[in-house]
Amino acid sequence: QAVAQALRNLVQNALDASPPQAKV
């Protein structure tokens, strides 16, 4: 569960850093 949350954090940060509609 901790690993899953860590991956979600990183993916969400990547989405937040990217322009709208950009691919991560």
PDBML (XML) file of the C-alpha atoms, coordinates in Angstrom:
<?xml version="1.0" encoding="UTF-8" ?>
<PDBx:datablock datablockName="MODEL"
   xmlns:PDBx="http://pdbml.pdb.org/schema/pdbx-v50.xsd"
   xmlns:xsi="http://www.w3.org/2001/XMLSchema-instance"
   xsi:schemaLocation="http://pdbml.pdb.org/schema/pdbx-v50.xsd pdbx-v50.xsd">
   <PDBx:atom_siteCategory>
      <PDBx:atom_site id="1">
         <PDBx:B_iso_or_equiv>0.00</PDBx:B_iso_or_equiv>
         <PDBx:Cartn_x>0.000</PDBx:Cartn_x>
         <PDBx:Cartn_y>0.000</PDBx:Cartn_y>
         <PDBx:Cartn_z>0.000</PDBx:Cartn_z>
         <PDBx:auth_asym_id>A</PDBx:auth_asym_id>
         <PDBx:auth_atom_id>CA</PDBx:auth_atom_id>
         <PDBx:auth_comp_id>GLN</PDBx:auth_comp_id>
         <PDBx:auth_seq_id>1</PDBx:auth_seq_id>
         <PDBx:group_PDB>ATOM</PDBx:group_PDB>
         <PDBx:label_alt_id xsi:nil="true" />
         <PDBx:label_asym_id>A</PDBx:label_asym_id>
         <PDBx:label_atom_id>CA</PDBx:label_atom_id>
         <PDBx:label_comp_id>GLN</PDBx:label_comp_id>
         <PDBx:label_entity_id>1</PDBx:label_entity_id>
         <PDBx:label_seq_id>1</PDBx:label_seq_id>
         <PDBx:occupancy>1.00</PDBx:occupancy>
         <PDBx:pdbx_PDB_model_num>1</PDBx:pdbx_PDB_model_num>
         <PDBx:type_symbol>C</PDBx:type_symbol>
      </PDBx:atom_site>
      <PDBx:atom_site id="2">
         <PDBx:B_iso_or_equiv>0.00</PDBx:B_iso_or_equiv>
         <PDBx:Cartn_x>2.872</PDBx:Cartn_x>
         <PDBx:Cartn_y>2.413</PDBx:Cartn_y>
         <PDBx:Cartn_z>0.752</PDBx:Cartn_z>
         <PDBx:auth_asym_id>A</PDBx:auth_asym_id>
         <PDBx:auth_atom_id>CA</PDBx:auth_atom_id>
         <PDBx:auth_comp_id>ALA</PDBx:auth_comp_id>
         <PDBx:auth_seq_id>2</PDBx:auth_seq_id>
         <PDBx:group_PDB>ATOM</PDBx:group_PDB>
         <PDBx:label_alt_id xsi:nil="true" />
         <PDBx:label_asym_id>A</PDBx:label_asym_id>
         <PDBx:label_atom_id>CA</PDBx:label_atom_id>
         <PDBx:label_comp_id>ALA</PDBx:label_comp_id>
         <PDBx:label_entity_id>1</PDBx:label_entity_id>
         <PDBx:label_seq_id>2</PDBx:label_seq_id>
         <PDBx:occupancy>1.00</PDBx:occupancy>
         <PDBx:pdbx_PDB_model_num>1</PDBx:pdbx_PDB_model_num>
         <PDBx:type_symbol>C</PDBx:type_symbol>
      </PDBx:atom_site>
      <PDBx:atom_site id="3">
         <PDBx:B_iso_or_equiv>0.00</PDBx:B_iso_or_equiv>
         <PDBx:Cartn_x>4.521</PDBx:Cartn_x>
         <PDBx:Cartn_y>1.655</PDBx:Cartn_y>
         <PDBx:Cartn_z>-2.599</PDBx:Cartn_z>
         <PDBx:auth_asym_id>A</PDBx:auth_asym_id>
         <PDBx:auth_atom_id>CA</PDBx:auth_atom_id>
         <PDBx:auth_comp_id>VAL</PDBx:auth_comp_id>
         <PDBx:auth_seq_id>3</PDBx:auth_seq_id>
         <PDBx:group_PDB>ATOM</PDBx:group_PDB>
         <PDBx:label_alt_id xsi:nil="true" />
         <PDBx:label_asym_id>A</PDBx:label_asym_id>
         <PDBx:label_atom_id>CA</PDBx:label_atom_id>
         <PDBx:label_comp_id>VAL</PDBx:label_comp_id>
         <PDBx:label_entity_id>1</PDBx:label_entity_id>
         <PDBx:label_seq_id>3</PDBx:label_seq_id>
         <PDBx:occupancy>1.00</PDBx:occupancy>
         <PDBx:pdbx_PDB_model_num>1</PDBx:pdbx_PDB_model_num>
         <PDBx:type_symbol>C</PDBx:type_symbol>
      </PDBx:atom_site>
      <PDBx:atom_site id="4">
         <PDBx:B_iso_or_equiv>0.00</PDBx:B_iso_or_equiv>
         <PDBx:Cartn_x>1.214</PDBx:Cartn_x>
         <PDBx:Cartn_y>2.218</PDBx:Cartn_y>
         <PDBx:Cartn_z>-4.402</PDBx:Cartn_z>
         <PDBx:auth_asym_id>A</PDBx:auth_asym_id>
         <PDBx:auth_atom_id>CA</PDBx:auth_atom_id>
         <PDBx:auth_comp_id>ALA</PDBx:auth_comp_id>
         <PDBx:auth_seq_id>4</PDBx:auth_seq_id>
         <PDBx:group_PDB>ATOM</PDBx:group_PDB>
         <PDBx:label_alt_id xsi:nil="true" />
         <PDBx:label_asym_id>A</PDBx:label_asym_id>
         <PDBx:label_atom_id>CA</PDBx:label_atom_id>
         <PDBx:label_comp_id>ALA</PDBx:label_comp_id>
         <PDBx:label_entity_id>1</PDBx:label_entity_id>
         <PDBx:label_seq_id>4</PDBx:label_seq_id>
         <PDBx:occupancy>1.00</PDBx:occupancy>
         <PDBx:pdbx_PDB_model_num>1</PDBx:pdbx_PDB_model_num>
         <PDBx:type_symbol>C</PDBx:type_symbol>
      </PDBx:atom_site>
      <PDBx:atom_site id="5">
         <PDBx:B_iso_or_equiv>0.00</PDBx:B_iso_or_equiv>
         <PDBx:Cartn_x>0.767</PDBx:Cartn_x>
         <PDBx:Cartn_y>5.587</PDBx:Cartn_y>
         <PDBx:Cartn_z>-2.645</PDBx:Cartn_z>
         <PDBx:auth_asym_id>A</PDBx:auth_asym_id>
         <PDBx:auth_atom_id>CA</PDBx:auth_atom_id>
         <PDBx:auth_comp_id>GLN</PDBx:auth_comp_id>
         <PDBx:auth_seq_id>5</PDBx:auth_seq_id>
         <PDBx:group_PDB>ATOM</PDBx:group_PDB>
         <PDBx:label_alt_id xsi:nil="true" />
         <PDBx:label_asym_id>A</PDBx:label_asym_id>
         <PDBx:label_atom_id>CA</PDBx:label_atom_id>
         <PDBx:label_comp_id>GLN</PDBx:label_comp_id>
         <PDBx:label_entity_id>1</PDBx:label_entity_id>
         <PDBx:label_seq_id>5</PDBx:label_seq_id>
         <PDBx:occupancy>1.00</PDBx:occupancy>
         <PDBx:pdbx_PDB_model_num>1</PDBx:pdbx_PDB_model_num>
         <PDBx:type_symbol>C</PDBx:type_symbol>
      </PDBx:atom_site>
      <PDBx:atom_site id="6">
         <PDBx:B_iso_or_equiv>0.00</PDBx:B_iso_or_equiv>
         <PDBx:Cartn_x>4.353</PDBx:Cartn_x>
         <PDBx:Cartn_y>6.592</PDBx:Cartn_y>
         <PDBx:Cartn_z>-3.488</PDBx:Cartn_z>
         <PDBx:auth_asym_id>A</PDBx:auth_asym_id>
         <PDBx:auth_atom_id>CA</PDBx:auth_atom_id>
         <PDBx:auth_comp_id>ALA</PDBx:auth_comp_id>
         <PDBx:auth_seq_id>6</PDBx:auth_seq_id>
         <PDBx:group_PDB>ATOM</PDBx:group_PDB>
         <PDBx:label_alt_id xsi:nil="true" />
         <PDBx:label_asym_id>A</PDBx:label_asym_id>
         <PDBx:label_atom_id>CA</PDBx:label_atom_id>
         <PDBx:label_comp_id>ALA</PDBx:label_comp_id>
         <PDBx:label_entity_id>1</PDBx:label_entity_id>
         <PDBx:label_seq_id>6</PDBx:label_seq_id>
         <PDBx:occupancy>1.00</PDBx:occupancy>
         <PDBx:pdbx_PDB_model_num>1</PDBx:pdbx_PDB_model_num>
         <PDBx:type_symbol>C</PDBx:type_symbol>
      </PDBx:atom_site>
      <PDBx:atom_site id="7">
         <PDBx:B_iso_or_equiv>0.00</PDBx:B_iso_or_equiv>
         <PDBx:Cartn_x>3.766</PDBx:Cartn_x>
         <PDBx:Cartn_y>5.828</PDBx:Cartn_y>
         <PDBx:Cartn_z>-7.169</PDBx:Cartn_z>
         <PDBx:auth_asym_id>A</PDBx:auth_asym_id>
         <PDBx:auth_atom_id>CA</PDBx:auth_atom_id>
         <PDBx:auth_comp_id>LEU</PDBx:auth_comp_id>
         <PDBx:auth_seq_id>7</PDBx:auth_seq_id>
         <PDBx:group_PDB>ATOM</PDBx:group_PDB>
         <PDBx:label_alt_id xsi:nil="true" />
         <PDBx:label_asym_id>A</PDBx:label_asym_id>
         <PDBx:label_atom_id>CA</PDBx:label_atom_id>
         <PDBx:label_comp_id>LEU</PDBx:label_comp_id>
         <PDBx:label_entity_id>1</PDBx:label_entity_id>
         <PDBx:label_seq_id>7</PDBx:label_seq_id>
         <PDBx:occupancy>1.00</PDBx:occupancy>
         <PDBx:pdbx_PDB_model_num>1</PDBx:pdbx_PDB_model_num>
         <PDBx:type_symbol>C</PDBx:type_symbol>
      </PDBx:atom_site>
      <PDBx:atom_site id="8">
         <PDBx:B_iso_or_equiv>0.00</PDBx:B_iso_or_equiv>
         <PDBx:Cartn_x>0.488</PDBx:Cartn_x>
         <PDBx:Cartn_y>7.772</PDBx:Cartn_y>
         <PDBx:Cartn_z>-7.125</PDBx:Cartn_z>
         <PDBx:auth_asym_id>A</PDBx:auth_asym_id>
         <PDBx:auth_atom_id>CA</PDBx:auth_atom_id>
         <PDBx:auth_comp_id>ARG</PDBx:auth_comp_id>
         <PDBx:auth_seq_id>8</PDBx:auth_seq_id>
         <PDBx:group_PDB>ATOM</PDBx:group_PDB>
         <PDBx:label_alt_id xsi:nil="true" />
         <PDBx:label_asym_id>A</PDBx:label_asym_id>
         <PDBx:label_atom_id>CA</PDBx:label_atom_id>
         <PDBx:label_comp_id>ARG</PDBx:label_comp_id>
         <PDBx:label_entity_id>1</PDBx:label_entity_id>
         <PDBx:label_seq_id>8</PDBx:label_seq_id>
         <PDBx:occupancy>1.00</PDBx:occupancy>
         <PDBx:pdbx_PDB_model_num>1</PDBx:pdbx_PDB_model_num>
         <PDBx:type_symbol>C</PDBx:type_symbol>
      </PDBx:atom_site>
      <PDBx:atom_site id="9">
         <PDBx:B_iso_or_equiv>0.00</PDBx:B_iso_or_equiv>
         <PDBx:Cartn_x>2.333</PDBx:Cartn_x>
         <PDBx:Cartn_y>10.747</PDBx:Cartn_y>
         <PDBx:Cartn_z>-5.600</PDBx:Cartn_z>
         <PDBx:auth_asym_id>A</PDBx:auth_asym_id>
         <PDBx:auth_atom_id>CA</PDBx:auth_atom_id>
         <PDBx:auth_comp_id>ASN</PDBx:auth_comp_id>
         <PDBx:auth_seq_id>9</PDBx:auth_seq_id>
         <PDBx:group_PDB>ATOM</PDBx:group_PDB>
         <PDBx:label_alt_id xsi:nil="true" />
         <PDBx:label_asym_id>A</PDBx:label_asym_id>
         <PDBx:label_atom_id>CA</PDBx:label_atom_id>
         <PDBx:label_comp_id>ASN</PDBx:label_comp_id>
         <PDBx:label_entity_id>1</PDBx:label_entity_id>
         <PDBx:label_seq_id>9</PDBx:label_seq_id>
         <PDBx:occupancy>1.00</PDBx:occupancy>
         <PDBx:pdbx_PDB_model_num>1</PDBx:pdbx_PDB_model_num>
         <PDBx:type_symbol>C</PDBx:type_symbol>
      </PDBx:atom_site>
      <PDBx:atom_site id="10">
         <PDBx:B_iso_or_equiv>0.00</PDBx:B_iso_or_equiv>
         <PDBx:Cartn_x>4.953</PDBx:Cartn_x>
         <PDBx:Cartn_y>10.718</PDBx:Cartn_y>
         <PDBx:Cartn_z>-8.350</PDBx:Cartn_z>
         <PDBx:auth_asym_id>A</PDBx:auth_asym_id>
         <PDBx:auth_atom_id>CA</PDBx:auth_atom_id>
         <PDBx:auth_comp_id>LEU</PDBx:auth_comp_id>
         <PDBx:auth_seq_id>10</PDBx:auth_seq_id>
         <PDBx:group_PDB>ATOM</PDBx:group_PDB>
         <PDBx:label_alt_id xsi:nil="true" />
         <PDBx:label_asym_id>A</PDBx:label_asym_id>
         <PDBx:label_atom_id>CA</PDBx:label_atom_id>
         <PDBx:label_comp_id>LEU</PDBx:label_comp_id>
         <PDBx:label_entity_id>1</PDBx:label_entity_id>
         <PDBx:label_seq_id>10</PDBx:label_seq_id>
         <PDBx:occupancy>1.00</PDBx:occupancy>
         <PDBx:pdbx_PDB_model_num>1</PDBx:pdbx_PDB_model_num>
         <PDBx:type_symbol>C</PDBx:type_symbol>
      </PDBx:atom_site>
      <PDBx:atom_site id="11">
         <PDBx:B_iso_or_equiv>0.00</PDBx:B_iso_or_equiv>
         <PDBx:Cartn_x>2.435</PDBx:Cartn_x>
         <PDBx:Cartn_y>10.304</PDBx:Cartn_y>
         <PDBx:Cartn_z>-11.163</PDBx:Cartn_z>
         <PDBx:auth_asym_id>A</PDBx:auth_asym_id>
         <PDBx:auth_atom_id>CA</PDBx:auth_atom_id>
         <PDBx:auth_comp_id>VAL</PDBx:auth_comp_id>
         <PDBx:auth_seq_id>11</PDBx:auth_seq_id>
         <PDBx:group_PDB>ATOM</PDBx:group_PDB>
         <PDBx:label_alt_id xsi:nil="true" />
         <PDBx:label_asym_id>A</PDBx:label_asym_id>
         <PDBx:label_atom_id>CA</PDBx:label_atom_id>
         <PDBx:label_comp_id>VAL</PDBx:label_comp_id>
         <PDBx:label_entity_id>1</PDBx:label_entity_id>
         <PDBx:label_seq_id>11</PDBx:label_seq_id>
         <PDBx:occupancy>1.00</PDBx:occupancy>
         <PDBx:pdbx_PDB_model_num>1</PDBx:pdbx_PDB_model_num>
         <PDBx:type_symbol>C</PDBx:type_symbol>
      </PDBx:atom_site>
      <PDBx:atom_site id="12">
         <PDBx:B_iso_or_equiv>0.00</PDBx:B_iso_or_equiv>
         <PDBx:Cartn_x>0.268</PDBx:Cartn_x>
         <PDBx:Cartn_y>13.106</PDBx:Cartn_y>
         <PDBx:Cartn_z>-9.746</PDBx:Cartn_z>
         <PDBx:auth_asym_id>A</PDBx:auth_asym_id>
         <PDBx:auth_atom_id>CA</PDBx:auth_atom_id>
         <PDBx:auth_comp_id>GLN</PDBx:auth_comp_id>
         <PDBx:auth_seq_id>12</PDBx:auth_seq_id>
         <PDBx:group_PDB>ATOM</PDBx:group_PDB>
         <PDBx:label_alt_id xsi:nil="true" />
         <PDBx:label_asym_id>A</PDBx:label_asym_id>
         <PDBx:label_atom_id>CA</PDBx:label_atom_id>
         <PDBx:label_comp_id>GLN</PDBx:label_comp_id>
         <PDBx:label_entity_id>1</PDBx:label_entity_id>
         <PDBx:label_seq_id>12</PDBx:label_seq_id>
         <PDBx:occupancy>1.00</PDBx:occupancy>
         <PDBx:pdbx_PDB_model_num>1</PDBx:pdbx_PDB_model_num>
         <PDBx:type_symbol>C</PDBx:type_symbol>
      </PDBx:atom_site>
      <PDBx:atom_site id="13">
         <PDBx:B_iso_or_equiv>0.00</PDBx:B_iso_or_equiv>
         <PDBx:Cartn_x>3.309</PDBx:Cartn_x>
         <PDBx:Cartn_y>15.393</PDBx:Cartn_y>
         <PDBx:Cartn_z>-9.494</PDBx:Cartn_z>
         <PDBx:auth_asym_id>A</PDBx:auth_asym_id>
         <PDBx:auth_atom_id>CA</PDBx:auth_atom_id>
         <PDBx:auth_comp_id>ASN</PDBx:auth_comp_id>
         <PDBx:auth_seq_id>13</PDBx:auth_seq_id>
         <PDBx:group_PDB>ATOM</PDBx:group_PDB>
         <PDBx:label_alt_id xsi:nil="true" />
         <PDBx:label_asym_id>A</PDBx:label_asym_id>
         <PDBx:label_atom_id>CA</PDBx:label_atom_id>
         <PDBx:label_comp_id>ASN</PDBx:label_comp_id>
         <PDBx:label_entity_id>1</PDBx:label_entity_id>
         <PDBx:label_seq_id>13</PDBx:label_seq_id>
         <PDBx:occupancy>1.00</PDBx:occupancy>
         <PDBx:pdbx_PDB_model_num>1</PDBx:pdbx_PDB_model_num>
         <PDBx:type_symbol>C</PDBx:type_symbol>
      </PDBx:atom_site>
      <PDBx:atom_site id="14">
         <PDBx:B_iso_or_equiv>0.00</PDBx:B_iso_or_equiv>
         <PDBx:Cartn_x>4.145</PDBx:Cartn_x>
         <PDBx:Cartn_y>14.593</PDBx:Cartn_y>
         <PDBx:Cartn_z>-13.128</PDBx:Cartn_z>
         <PDBx:auth_asym_id>A</PDBx:auth_asym_id>
         <PDBx:auth_atom_id>CA</PDBx:auth_atom_id>
         <PDBx:auth_comp_id>ALA</PDBx:auth_comp_id>
         <PDBx:auth_seq_id>14</PDBx:auth_seq_id>
         <PDBx:group_PDB>ATOM</PDBx:group_PDB>
         <PDBx:label_alt_id xsi:nil="true" />
         <PDBx:label_asym_id>A</PDBx:label_asym_id>
         <PDBx:label_atom_id>CA</PDBx:label_atom_id>
         <PDBx:label_comp_id>ALA</PDBx:label_comp_id>
         <PDBx:label_entity_id>1</PDBx:label_entity_id>
         <PDBx:label_seq_id>14</PDBx:label_seq_id>
         <PDBx:occupancy>1.00</PDBx:occupancy>
         <PDBx:pdbx_PDB_model_num>1</PDBx:pdbx_PDB_model_num>
         <PDBx:type_symbol>C</PDBx:type_symbol>
      </PDBx:atom_site>
      <PDBx:atom_site id="15">
         <PDBx:B_iso_or_equiv>0.00</PDBx:B_iso_or_equiv>
         <PDBx:Cartn_x>0.593</PDBx:Cartn_x>
         <PDBx:Cartn_y>15.397</PDBx:Cartn_y>
         <PDBx:Cartn_z>-14.204</PDBx:Cartn_z>
         <PDBx:auth_asym_id>A</PDBx:auth_asym_id>
         <PDBx:auth_atom_id>CA</PDBx:auth_atom_id>
         <PDBx:auth_comp_id>LEU</PDBx:auth_comp_id>
         <PDBx:auth_seq_id>15</PDBx:auth_seq_id>
         <PDBx:group_PDB>ATOM</PDBx:group_PDB>
         <PDBx:label_alt_id xsi:nil="true" />
         <PDBx:label_asym_id>A</PDBx:label_asym_id>
         <PDBx:label_atom_id>CA</PDBx:label_atom_id>
         <PDBx:label_comp_id>LEU</PDBx:label_comp_id>
         <PDBx:label_entity_id>1</PDBx:label_entity_id>
         <PDBx:label_seq_id>15</PDBx:label_seq_id>
         <PDBx:occupancy>1.00</PDBx:occupancy>
         <PDBx:pdbx_PDB_model_num>1</PDBx:pdbx_PDB_model_num>
         <PDBx:type_symbol>C</PDBx:type_symbol>
      </PDBx:atom_site>
      <PDBx:atom_site id="16">
         <PDBx:B_iso_or_equiv>0.00</PDBx:B_iso_or_equiv>
         <PDBx:Cartn_x>0.636</PDBx:Cartn_x>
         <PDBx:Cartn_y>18.636</PDBx:Cartn_y>
         <PDBx:Cartn_z>-12.185</PDBx:Cartn_z>
         <PDBx:auth_asym_id>A</PDBx:auth_asym_id>
         <PDBx:auth_atom_id>CA</PDBx:auth_atom_id>
         <PDBx:auth_comp_id>ASP</PDBx:auth_comp_id>
         <PDBx:auth_seq_id>16</PDBx:auth_seq_id>
         <PDBx:group_PDB>ATOM</PDBx:group_PDB>
         <PDBx:label_alt_id xsi:nil="true" />
         <PDBx:label_asym_id>A</PDBx:label_asym_id>
         <PDBx:label_atom_id>CA</PDBx:label_atom_id>
         <PDBx:label_comp_id>ASP</PDBx:label_comp_id>
         <PDBx:label_entity_id>1</PDBx:label_entity_id>
         <PDBx:label_seq_id>16</PDBx:label_seq_id>
         <PDBx:occupancy>1.00</PDBx:occupancy>
         <PDBx:pdbx_PDB_model_num>1</PDBx:pdbx_PDB_model_num>
         <PDBx:type_symbol>C</PDBx:type_symbol>
      </PDBx:atom_site>
      <PDBx:atom_site id="17">
         <PDBx:B_iso_or_equiv>0.00</PDBx:B_iso_or_equiv>
         <PDBx:Cartn_x>3.954</PDBx:Cartn_x>
         <PDBx:Cartn_y>19.670</PDBx:Cartn_y>
         <PDBx:Cartn_z>-13.779</PDBx:Cartn_z>
         <PDBx:auth_asym_id>A</PDBx:auth_asym_id>
         <PDBx:auth_atom_id>CA</PDBx:auth_atom_id>
         <PDBx:auth_comp_id>ALA</PDBx:auth_comp_id>
         <PDBx:auth_seq_id>17</PDBx:auth_seq_id>
         <PDBx:group_PDB>ATOM</PDBx:group_PDB>
         <PDBx:label_alt_id xsi:nil="true" />
         <PDBx:label_asym_id>A</PDBx:label_asym_id>
         <PDBx:label_atom_id>CA</PDBx:label_atom_id>
         <PDBx:label_comp_id>ALA</PDBx:label_comp_id>
         <PDBx:label_entity_id>1</PDBx:label_entity_id>
         <PDBx:label_seq_id>17</PDBx:label_seq_id>
         <PDBx:occupancy>1.00</PDBx:occupancy>
         <PDBx:pdbx_PDB_model_num>1</PDBx:pdbx_PDB_model_num>
         <PDBx:type_symbol>C</PDBx:type_symbol>
      </PDBx:atom_site>
      <PDBx:atom_site id="18">
         <PDBx:B_iso_or_equiv>0.00</PDBx:B_iso_or_equiv>
         <PDBx:Cartn_x>2.779</PDBx:Cartn_x>
         <PDBx:Cartn_y>18.974</PDBx:Cartn_y>
         <PDBx:Cartn_z>-17.321</PDBx:Cartn_z>
         <PDBx:auth_asym_id>A</PDBx:auth_asym_id>
         <PDBx:auth_atom_id>CA</PDBx:auth_atom_id>
         <PDBx:auth_comp_id>SER</PDBx:auth_comp_id>
         <PDBx:auth_seq_id>18</PDBx:auth_seq_id>
         <PDBx:group_PDB>ATOM</PDBx:group_PDB>
         <PDBx:label_alt_id xsi:nil="true" />
         <PDBx:label_asym_id>A</PDBx:label_asym_id>
         <PDBx:label_atom_id>CA</PDBx:label_atom_id>
         <PDBx:label_comp_id>SER</PDBx:label_comp_id>
         <PDBx:label_entity_id>1</PDBx:label_entity_id>
         <PDBx:label_seq_id>18</PDBx:label_seq_id>
         <PDBx:occupancy>1.00</PDBx:occupancy>
         <PDBx:pdbx_PDB_model_num>1</PDBx:pdbx_PDB_model_num>
         <PDBx:type_symbol>C</PDBx:type_symbol>
      </PDBx:atom_site>
      <PDBx:atom_site id="19">
         <PDBx:B_iso_or_equiv>0.00</PDBx:B_iso_or_equiv>
         <PDBx:Cartn_x>0.609</PDBx:Cartn_x>
         <PDBx:Cartn_y>21.189</PDBx:Cartn_y>
         <PDBx:Cartn_z>-19.516</PDBx:Cartn_z>
         <PDBx:auth_asym_id>A</PDBx:auth_asym_id>
         <PDBx:auth_atom_id>CA</PDBx:auth_atom_id>
         <PDBx:auth_comp_id>PRO</PDBx:auth_comp_id>
         <PDBx:auth_seq_id>19</PDBx:auth_seq_id>
         <PDBx:group_PDB>ATOM</PDBx:group_PDB>
         <PDBx:label_alt_id xsi:nil="true" />
         <PDBx:label_asym_id>A</PDBx:label_asym_id>
         <PDBx:label_atom_id>CA</PDBx:label_atom_id>
         <PDBx:label_comp_id>PRO</PDBx:label_comp_id>
         <PDBx:label_entity_id>1</PDBx:label_entity_id>
         <PDBx:label_seq_id>19</PDBx:label_seq_id>
         <PDBx:occupancy>1.00</PDBx:occupancy>
         <PDBx:pdbx_PDB_model_num>1</PDBx:pdbx_PDB_model_num>
         <PDBx:type_symbol>C</PDBx:type_symbol>
      </PDBx:atom_site>
      <PDBx:atom_site id="20">
         <PDBx:B_iso_or_equiv>0.00</PDBx:B_iso_or_equiv>
         <PDBx:Cartn_x>-3.063</PDBx:Cartn_x>
         <PDBx:Cartn_y>20.216</PDBx:Cartn_y>
         <PDBx:Cartn_z>-19.826</PDBx:Cartn_z>
         <PDBx:auth_asym_id>A</PDBx:auth_asym_id>
         <PDBx:auth_atom_id>CA</PDBx:auth_atom_id>
         <PDBx:auth_comp_id>PRO</PDBx:auth_comp_id>
         <PDBx:auth_seq_id>20</PDBx:auth_seq_id>
         <PDBx:group_PDB>ATOM</PDBx:group_PDB>
         <PDBx:label_alt_id xsi:nil="true" />
         <PDBx:label_asym_id>A</PDBx:label_asym_id>
         <PDBx:label_atom_id>CA</PDBx:label_atom_id>
         <PDBx:label_comp_id>PRO</PDBx:label_comp_id>
         <PDBx:label_entity_id>1</PDBx:label_entity_id>
         <PDBx:label_seq_id>20</PDBx:label_seq_id>
         <PDBx:occupancy>1.00</PDBx:occupancy>
         <PDBx:pdbx_PDB_model_num>1</PDBx:pdbx_PDB_model_num>
         <PDBx:type_symbol>C</PDBx:type_symbol>
      </PDBx:atom_site>
      <PDBx:atom_site id="21">
         <PDBx:B_iso_or_equiv>0.00</PDBx:B_iso_or_equiv>
         <PDBx:Cartn_x>-3.629</PDBx:Cartn_x>
         <PDBx:Cartn_y>17.234</PDBx:Cartn_y>
         <PDBx:Cartn_z>-22.134</PDBx:Cartn_z>
         <PDBx:auth_asym_id>A</PDBx:auth_asym_id>
         <PDBx:auth_atom_id>CA</PDBx:auth_atom_id>
         <PDBx:auth_comp_id>GLN</PDBx:auth_comp_id>
         <PDBx:auth_seq_id>21</PDBx:auth_seq_id>
         <PDBx:group_PDB>ATOM</PDBx:group_PDB>
         <PDBx:label_alt_id xsi:nil="true" />
         <PDBx:label_asym_id>A</PDBx:label_asym_id>
         <PDBx:label_atom_id>CA</PDBx:label_atom_id>
         <PDBx:label_comp_id>GLN</PDBx:label_comp_id>
         <PDBx:label_entity_id>1</PDBx:label_entity_id>
         <PDBx:label_seq_id>21</PDBx:label_seq_id>
         <PDBx:occupancy>1.00</PDBx:occupancy>
         <PDBx:pdbx_PDB_model_num>1</PDBx:pdbx_PDB_model_num>
         <PDBx:type_symbol>C</PDBx:type_symbol>
      </PDBx:atom_site>
      <PDBx:atom_site id="22">
         <PDBx:B_iso_or_equiv>0.00</PDBx:B_iso_or_equiv>
         <PDBx:Cartn_x>0.103</PDBx:Cartn_x>
         <PDBx:Cartn_y>16.356</PDBx:Cartn_y>
         <PDBx:Cartn_z>-22.118</PDBx:Cartn_z>
         <PDBx:auth_asym_id>A</PDBx:auth_asym_id>
         <PDBx:auth_atom_id>CA</PDBx:auth_atom_id>
         <PDBx:auth_comp_id>ALA</PDBx:auth_comp_id>
         <PDBx:auth_seq_id>22</PDBx:auth_seq_id>
         <PDBx:group_PDB>ATOM</PDBx:group_PDB>
         <PDBx:label_alt_id xsi:nil="true" />
         <PDBx:label_asym_id>A</PDBx:label_asym_id>
         <PDBx:label_atom_id>CA</PDBx:label_atom_id>
         <PDBx:label_comp_id>ALA</PDBx:label_comp_id>
         <PDBx:label_entity_id>1</PDBx:label_entity_id>
         <PDBx:label_seq_id>22</PDBx:label_seq_id>
         <PDBx:occupancy>1.00</PDBx:occupancy>
         <PDBx:pdbx_PDB_model_num>1</PDBx:pdbx_PDB_model_num>
         <PDBx:type_symbol>C</PDBx:type_symbol>
      </PDBx:atom_site>
      <PDBx:atom_site id="23">
         <PDBx:B_iso_or_equiv>0.00</PDBx:B_iso_or_equiv>
         <PDBx:Cartn_x>1.039</PDBx:Cartn_x>
         <PDBx:Cartn_y>12.710</PDBx:Cartn_y>
         <PDBx:Cartn_z>-21.812</PDBx:Cartn_z>
         <PDBx:auth_asym_id>A</PDBx:auth_asym_id>
         <PDBx:auth_atom_id>CA</PDBx:auth_atom_id>
         <PDBx:auth_comp_id>LYS</PDBx:auth_comp_id>
         <PDBx:auth_seq_id>23</PDBx:auth_seq_id>
         <PDBx:group_PDB>ATOM</PDBx:group_PDB>
         <PDBx:label_alt_id xsi:nil="true" />
         <PDBx:label_asym_id>A</PDBx:label_asym_id>
         <PDBx:label_atom_id>CA</PDBx:label_atom_id>
         <PDBx:label_comp_id>LYS</PDBx:label_comp_id>
         <PDBx:label_entity_id>1</PDBx:label_entity_id>
         <PDBx:label_seq_id>23</PDBx:label_seq_id>
         <PDBx:occupancy>1.00</PDBx:occupancy>
         <PDBx:pdbx_PDB_model_num>1</PDBx:pdbx_PDB_model_num>
         <PDBx:type_symbol>C</PDBx:type_symbol>
      </PDBx:atom_site>
      <PDBx:atom_site id="24">
         <PDBx:B_iso_or_equiv>0.00</PDBx:B_iso_or_equiv>
         <PDBx:Cartn_x>2.866</PDBx:Cartn_x>
         <PDBx:Cartn_y>11.328</PDBx:Cartn_y>
         <PDBx:Cartn_z>-18.800</PDBx:Cartn_z>
         <PDBx:auth_asym_id>A</PDBx:auth_asym_id>
         <PDBx:auth_atom_id>CA</PDBx:auth_atom_id>
         <PDBx:auth_comp_id>VAL</PDBx:auth_comp_id>
         <PDBx:auth_seq_id>24</PDBx:auth_seq_id>
         <PDBx:group_PDB>ATOM</PDBx:group_PDB>
         <PDBx:label_alt_id xsi:nil="true" />
         <PDBx:label_asym_id>A</PDBx:label_asym_id>
         <PDBx:label_atom_id>CA</PDBx:label_atom_id>
         <PDBx:label_comp_id>VAL</PDBx:label_comp_id>
         <PDBx:label_entity_id>1</PDBx:label_entity_id>
         <PDBx:label_seq_id>24</PDBx:label_seq_id>
         <PDBx:occupancy>1.00</PDBx:occupancy>
         <PDBx:pdbx_PDB_model_num>1</PDBx:pdbx_PDB_model_num>
         <PDBx:type_symbol>C</PDBx:type_symbol>
      </PDBx:atom_site>
   </PDBx:atom_siteCategory>
</PDBx:datablock>
